[in-house]
N, C-alpha and C. Protein backbone atom coordinates (compact mmCIF):
# COMPACT_ATOMS: atom_id res chain seq x y z
N MET A 1 0.62 -1.14 -0.05
CA MET A 1 -0.29 0.11 0.10
C MET A 1 0.69 1.40 0.03
N THR A 2 0.62 2.03 -0.93
CA THR A 2 1.27 3.46 -1.10
C THR A 2 0.49 4.49 -0.48
N HIS A 3 1.31 5.20 0.20
CA HIS A 3 0.73 6.62 0.76
C HIS A 3 1.26 7.98 0.23
N VAL A 4 0.40 8.65 -0.34
CA VAL A 4 1.09 9.68 -1.03
C VAL A 4 0.90 10.88 -0.10
N GLY A 5 1.78 11.57 0.63
CA GLY A 5 1.57 12.82 1.49
C GLY A 5 1.20 14.11 0.46
N ILE A 6 0.59 15.04 1.13
CA ILE A 6 0.58 16.30 1.23
C ILE A 6 1.41 17.25 1.61
N ILE A 7 2.73 17.71 1.59
CA ILE A 7 3.15 18.33 2.57
C ILE A 7 2.77 20.08 2.58
N LEU A 8 2.32 20.63 2.98
CA LEU A 8 2.10 22.07 3.25
C LEU A 8 2.68 22.93 4.30
N ILE A 9 3.48 24.05 3.67
CA ILE A 9 4.18 24.79 4.13
C ILE A 9 3.72 26.23 4.07
N VAL A 10 3.45 26.45 5.45
CA VAL A 10 2.94 27.82 5.33
C VAL A 10 3.83 28.76 5.82
N ASN A 11 3.99 29.89 5.57
CA ASN A 11 4.73 31.02 5.85
C ASN A 11 3.83 32.09 6.69
N LEU A 12 3.65 31.85 7.55
CA LEU A 12 3.09 33.11 8.51
C LEU A 12 3.84 34.35 8.82
N TYR A 13 2.96 34.84 9.22
CA TYR A 13 3.74 36.54 9.50
C TYR A 13 3.15 36.85 10.68
N TYR A 14 3.81 37.46 11.17
CA TYR A 14 3.33 38.08 13.01
C TYR A 14 3.63 39.70 12.92
N THR A 15 2.10 40.23 13.45
CA THR A 15 2.22 41.63 13.70
C THR A 15 2.54 41.68 15.16
N TYR A 16 3.46 42.31 15.89
CA TYR A 16 3.96 41.65 17.25
C TYR A 16 4.09 43.01 18.23
N ILE A 17 3.84 43.15 19.03
CA ILE A 17 4.55 44.33 20.24
C ILE A 17 5.28 43.64 21.00
N VAL A 18 6.53 44.40 21.55
CA VAL A 18 7.39 44.03 22.52
C VAL A 18 7.51 45.35 23.84
N LYS A 19 7.63 45.07 24.76
CA LYS A 19 7.82 46.13 25.81
C LYS A 19 9.20 46.04 26.28
N CYS A 20 9.50 47.59 25.91
CA CYS A 20 10.94 47.83 26.18
C CYS A 20 11.19 47.97 27.38
N ASN A 21 12.73 47.97 28.13
CA ASN A 21 13.13 48.30 29.52
C ASN A 21 12.89 49.33 29.55
N ASP A 22 12.22 50.64 29.35
CA ASP A 22 12.17 51.81 29.52
C ASP A 22 10.61 52.20 29.60
N ASP A 23 9.69 50.76 29.09
CA ASP A 23 8.34 50.63 29.52
C ASP A 23 7.64 51.39 28.48
N THR A 24 8.66 51.44 27.21
CA THR A 24 7.63 51.90 25.93
C THR A 24 7.51 50.82 25.01
N LEU A 25 6.46 50.66 24.44
CA LEU A 25 6.13 49.91 23.04
C LEU A 25 6.51 49.94 22.08
N TYR A 26 7.28 48.91 21.66
CA TYR A 26 7.30 48.79 20.00
C TYR A 26 6.63 47.88 19.27
N THR A 27 6.30 48.16 17.92
CA THR A 27 5.30 47.27 17.04
C THR A 27 6.05 46.91 15.54
N GLY A 28 6.14 45.45 15.36
CA GLY A 28 7.04 45.07 13.90
C GLY A 28 5.94 44.23 13.35
N ILE A 29 6.80 43.51 12.81
CA ILE A 29 6.06 42.38 11.74
C ILE A 29 7.31 41.63 11.68
N THR A 30 6.94 39.89 11.50
CA THR A 30 8.17 39.30 11.34
C THR A 30 7.58 37.93 10.55
N ASN A 31 8.08 37.24 9.93
CA ASN A 31 7.59 35.90 9.77
C ASN A 31 8.78 34.93 10.73
N ASN A 32 9.06 35.26 11.58
CA ASN A 32 9.56 34.23 12.66
C ASN A 32 9.84 34.99 14.15
N LEU A 33 8.77 35.04 14.90
CA LEU A 33 8.65 35.75 15.83
C LEU A 33 9.81 35.34 17.12
N HIS A 34 10.24 34.27 17.28
CA HIS A 34 11.02 33.47 18.52
C HIS A 34 12.44 34.66 17.70
N LYS A 35 12.79 34.38 16.82
CA LYS A 35 14.10 34.81 15.93
C LYS A 35 14.24 36.43 16.41
N ARG A 36 13.16 36.95 16.36
CA ARG A 36 13.00 38.29 16.11
C ARG A 36 12.80 38.87 17.54
N VAL A 37 12.18 38.44 18.38
CA VAL A 37 12.35 38.71 19.90
C VAL A 37 14.06 38.48 19.96
N LEU A 38 14.56 37.37 20.02
CA LEU A 38 15.79 37.27 20.29
C LEU A 38 16.89 38.51 19.50
N ASP A 39 16.69 38.60 18.50
CA ASP A 39 17.44 39.64 17.37
C ASP A 39 17.39 40.88 18.53
N HIS A 40 15.93 41.34 18.92
CA HIS A 40 15.77 42.87 19.41
C HIS A 40 16.59 42.58 20.84
N ASN A 41 16.87 41.62 21.42
CA ASN A 41 17.61 41.36 22.73
C ASN A 41 19.02 41.02 22.52
N THR A 42 19.49 40.57 21.27
CA THR A 42 20.97 40.20 21.21
C THR A 42 21.95 40.75 20.29
N SER A 43 21.32 41.25 19.14
CA SER A 43 21.98 41.41 18.03
C SER A 43 21.53 43.13 17.78
N LYS A 44 22.58 43.68 16.70
CA LYS A 44 22.64 44.50 15.60
C LYS A 44 21.14 44.33 15.01
N ARG A 45 20.34 43.17 14.69
CA ARG A 45 19.54 43.27 13.54
C ARG A 45 18.40 43.80 14.32
N GLY A 46 18.40 44.14 15.22
CA GLY A 46 17.41 44.66 16.15
C GLY A 46 16.88 45.99 15.42
N ALA A 47 15.73 45.98 15.85
CA ALA A 47 15.28 47.29 15.43
C ALA A 47 16.20 48.44 16.20
N LYS A 48 16.56 50.09 16.12
CA LYS A 48 17.65 50.89 16.21
C LYS A 48 16.75 51.01 17.25
N TYR A 49 15.40 51.58 17.40
CA TYR A 49 14.74 51.89 18.56
C TYR A 49 14.96 51.15 19.95
N THR A 50 15.05 49.67 19.73
CA THR A 50 15.12 48.84 21.03
C THR A 50 16.10 48.73 21.05
N LEU A 51 17.62 48.91 20.84
CA LEU A 51 18.87 48.61 20.96
C LEU A 51 19.30 49.22 22.12
N LYS A 52 19.36 50.46 22.08
CA LYS A 52 19.13 51.24 23.93
C LYS A 52 18.00 50.55 24.56
N ARG A 53 17.13 50.22 24.55
CA ARG A 53 16.20 49.67 25.15
C ARG A 53 15.68 48.61 25.91
N ARG A 54 17.08 47.68 25.82
CA ARG A 54 17.12 46.39 26.16
C ARG A 54 16.68 46.00 27.58
N PRO A 55 16.49 45.05 28.17
CA PRO A 55 15.70 43.93 27.26
C PRO A 55 14.42 44.24 26.88
N VAL A 56 13.93 43.66 25.79
CA VAL A 56 12.71 43.52 25.41
C VAL A 56 11.72 42.29 25.89
N VAL A 57 10.31 42.36 26.09
CA VAL A 57 9.57 41.57 26.44
C VAL A 57 8.47 41.23 25.17
N LEU A 58 8.29 40.45 24.77
CA LEU A 58 6.90 40.07 23.49
C LEU A 58 5.70 39.95 24.50
N VAL A 59 4.94 40.90 24.37
CA VAL A 59 3.49 41.36 24.99
C VAL A 59 2.21 40.87 24.23
N TYR A 60 2.38 41.03 22.69
CA TYR A 60 1.38 40.53 21.91
C TYR A 60 1.96 40.54 20.76
N TRP A 61 1.03 39.48 20.15
CA TRP A 61 1.25 39.04 18.53
C TRP A 61 0.05 38.70 18.27
N GLU A 62 0.24 38.84 16.56
CA GLU A 62 -1.41 38.05 15.80
C GLU A 62 -0.67 37.65 14.88
N GLU A 63 -1.22 36.11 14.32
CA GLU A 63 -0.64 35.69 13.07
C GLU A 63 -1.55 35.78 11.68
N TYR A 64 -0.93 36.32 10.75
CA TYR A 64 -1.32 36.72 9.32
C TYR A 64 -0.70 35.43 8.09
N ASN A 65 -1.76 35.33 7.15
CA ASN A 65 -1.07 34.18 6.02
C ASN A 65 -0.29 35.13 5.50
N ASN A 66 0.01 36.06 5.16
CA ASN A 66 1.03 36.94 3.99
C ASN A 66 1.44 38.53 4.52
N ARG A 67 2.75 38.62 4.23
CA ARG A 67 3.06 39.91 4.55
C ARG A 67 2.47 41.13 4.75
N SER A 68 1.53 41.03 3.32
CA SER A 68 0.80 42.12 3.35
C SER A 68 -0.22 42.69 4.44
N GLU A 69 -0.88 41.46 4.84
CA GLU A 69 -1.43 41.88 6.08
C GLU A 69 -0.97 42.18 7.53
N ALA A 70 -0.04 41.60 7.74
CA ALA A 70 0.76 41.60 8.59
C ALA A 70 1.23 43.47 8.74
N GLN A 71 1.47 43.82 7.47
CA GLN A 71 1.85 45.31 7.29
C GLN A 71 0.62 46.44 7.66
N LYS A 72 -0.46 45.80 7.50
CA LYS A 72 -1.59 46.81 7.42
C LYS A 72 -2.00 46.54 8.70
N ARG A 73 -1.73 45.69 8.96
CA ARG A 73 -1.96 45.15 11.13
C ARG A 73 -1.53 46.20 11.55
N GLU A 74 0.22 46.28 11.20
CA GLU A 74 1.41 46.84 12.02
C GLU A 74 0.85 48.51 11.63
N ALA A 75 0.78 48.83 10.69
CA ALA A 75 0.19 50.25 10.73
C ALA A 75 -0.77 50.61 11.15
N CYS A 76 -1.98 50.11 11.55
CA CYS A 76 -3.31 50.06 12.40
C CYS A 76 -2.68 50.50 13.83
N ILE A 77 -2.12 49.67 14.26
CA ILE A 77 -1.30 49.59 15.51
C ILE A 77 -0.80 50.66 15.86
N LYS A 78 0.46 50.94 14.90
CA LYS A 78 1.32 52.26 15.21
C LYS A 78 0.15 53.34 15.76
N LYS A 79 -1.36 53.37 14.63
CA LYS A 79 -1.83 54.63 14.76
C LYS A 79 -2.43 54.80 16.28
N LEU A 80 -2.66 53.53 17.05
CA LEU A 80 -3.22 53.86 18.60
C LEU A 80 -2.38 54.73 19.51
N SER A 81 -2.78 54.92 20.34
CA SER A 81 -2.39 55.51 21.70
C SER A 81 -1.78 54.44 22.48
N ARG A 82 -0.69 54.74 23.47
CA ARG A 82 -0.46 53.94 24.29
C ARG A 82 -1.58 53.19 24.97
N VAL A 83 -2.40 54.12 25.30
CA VAL A 83 -3.30 53.59 26.37
C VAL A 83 -4.20 52.21 25.40
N GLU A 84 -4.32 52.74 24.00
CA GLU A 84 -5.65 51.78 23.02
C GLU A 84 -4.30 50.37 22.98
N LYS A 85 -2.85 50.96 22.76
CA LYS A 85 -2.02 49.52 22.88
C LYS A 85 -2.42 48.80 23.89
N ILE A 86 -2.46 49.22 24.96
CA ILE A 86 -2.17 48.61 26.26
C ILE A 86 -3.88 47.66 26.40
N GLU A 87 -4.68 48.73 25.83
CA GLU A 87 -6.19 47.76 26.41
C GLU A 87 -6.35 46.81 25.33
N LEU A 88 -5.68 46.87 24.04
CA LEU A 88 -5.31 45.64 23.64
C LEU A 88 -4.55 44.19 23.68
N ILE A 89 -3.41 45.11 24.31
CA ILE A 89 -2.48 43.77 24.80
C ILE A 89 -3.69 43.11 26.31
N LYS A 90 -3.99 43.66 26.94
CA LYS A 90 -4.88 43.39 27.98
C LYS A 90 -6.13 41.96 27.25
N LYS A 91 -6.56 42.35 26.55
CA LYS A 91 -8.09 42.09 25.94
C LYS A 91 -7.67 40.60 25.85
N THR A 92 -6.31 40.15 25.20
CA THR A 92 -5.72 39.54 24.33
C THR A 92 -4.51 38.62 24.94
N GLN A 93 -3.76 39.08 25.86
CA GLN A 93 -2.94 38.48 26.57
C GLN A 93 -3.02 38.71 28.09
N THR A 94 -4.15 38.03 28.47
CA THR A 94 -4.49 38.62 29.81
C THR A 94 -3.15 37.84 31.03
N SER A 95 -2.57 37.23 30.97
CA SER A 95 -1.36 36.95 31.72
C SER A 95 -0.50 37.68 31.74
N ILE A 96 -0.62 38.76 31.44
CA ILE A 96 0.96 39.27 30.93
C ILE A 96 0.45 40.92 31.74
N LYS A 97 1.26 41.27 32.74
CA LYS A 97 1.00 42.72 33.31
C LYS A 97 1.70 43.61 32.47
N ILE A 98 1.07 44.76 32.50
CA ILE A 98 1.60 46.12 31.78
C ILE A 98 1.96 47.06 32.44
């Protein structure tokens, strides 16, 4: 008996918010959430904004099927006030204290 398998590779993108050491919030997108947060904390490849605000902690993320959707959401989140961002984080990530 022969089995034919289908391999589905899904390249997800993430819109995310990290909380910086100075209590500010940074919003970005990536296709590798773990690596991107690690980069923010350890390498020169992290955003210039977070470079001097280490360490950062991931406090929020959303998954998208493509880069375009993630970028659109990033733009929307960046337009929010700090209070609105904190409310967004609290609604979805109840275990994280801001």
